[in-house]
Amino acid sequence: MTPTCSAKGCHAPAVWALLWNNPKLHTPDRRKTWLACDQHRSTLGDFLGARGFLKDVVPASQVD
């Protein structure tokens, strides 16, 4: 099964993995993952970044 974008209603193949962490809920080393297509990479990243949660963006092929 091909991983798909995490944006609501999007079924496009995931190209990017947005690694994030909510410091109020997670230990500093924990990384949660949202997957994104090229179209939604910036909007998902902006959402996480505005909250200070975004830690890294890597190609989806680099995550399990």
Protein backbone atom coordinates (compact mmCIF):
# COMPACT_ATOMS: atom_id res chain seq x y z
CA MET A 1 0.00 0.00 0.00
CA THR A 2 1.37 3.39 -1.01
CA PRO A 3 1.49 5.97 1.82
CA THR A 4 -0.78 8.94 1.16
CA CYS A 5 -0.81 12.58 2.17
CA SER A 6 -2.11 13.42 5.66
CA ALA A 7 -4.02 16.51 4.46
CA LYS A 8 -7.77 16.16 4.92
CA GLY A 9 -9.39 14.70 1.81
CA CYS A 10 -6.11 14.27 -0.09
CA HIS A 11 -5.34 10.86 -1.52
CA ALA A 12 -2.14 11.80 -3.36
CA PRO A 13 0.99 9.73 -2.77
CA ALA A 14 3.18 11.04 0.06
CA VAL A 15 6.47 12.57 -1.01
CA TRP A 16 7.49 14.25 2.25
CA ALA A 17 7.53 13.32 5.93
CA LEU A 18 7.02 16.17 8.37
CA LEU A 19 8.52 15.20 11.72
CA TRP A 20 7.02 16.99 14.67
CA ASN A 21 6.68 16.98 18.42
CA ASN A 22 4.30 18.68 20.86
CA PRO A 23 6.55 19.48 23.83
CA LYS A 24 3.55 19.58 26.19
CA LEU A 25 2.72 15.95 25.37
CA HIS A 26 5.89 14.27 24.09
CA THR A 27 9.43 13.74 25.31
CA PRO A 28 12.00 15.87 23.42
CA ASP A 29 13.32 12.91 21.40
CA ARG A 30 9.89 11.67 20.24
CA ARG A 31 8.91 12.41 16.64
CA LYS A 32 5.40 12.09 15.25
CA THR A 33 5.01 11.96 11.46
CA TRP A 34 2.64 13.59 9.03
CA LEU A 35 3.01 12.65 5.39
CA ALA A 36 2.57 15.23 2.63
CA CYS A 37 2.32 15.41 -1.13
CA ASP A 38 4.12 18.26 -2.92
CA GLN A 39 0.93 20.36 -2.92
CA HIS A 40 0.36 20.14 0.86
CA ARG A 41 3.95 20.20 2.13
CA SER A 42 3.89 23.93 2.83
CA THR A 43 0.39 24.15 4.35
CA LEU A 44 0.97 21.23 6.72
CA GLY A 45 4.43 22.57 7.53
CA ASP A 46 3.06 26.08 8.18
CA PHE A 47 0.41 24.65 10.53
CA LEU A 48 3.00 22.75 12.56
CA GLY A 49 5.58 25.54 12.37
CA ALA A 50 3.17 28.19 13.66
CA ARG A 51 2.77 26.11 16.82
CA GLY A 52 6.50 25.44 17.18
CA PHE A 53 5.97 21.71 16.61
CA LEU A 54 7.81 21.15 13.30
CA LYS A 55 11.25 19.63 13.81
CA ASP A 56 12.28 18.42 10.34
CA VAL A 57 11.07 17.68 6.81
CA VAL A 58 12.58 14.69 5.00
CA PRO A 59 11.70 12.62 1.95
CA ALA A 60 8.95 10.12 2.82
CA SER A 61 11.21 7.31 1.65
CA GLN A 62 13.48 7.97 4.66
CA VAL A 63 10.86 7.05 7.27
CA ASP A 64 9.39 3.68 8.13
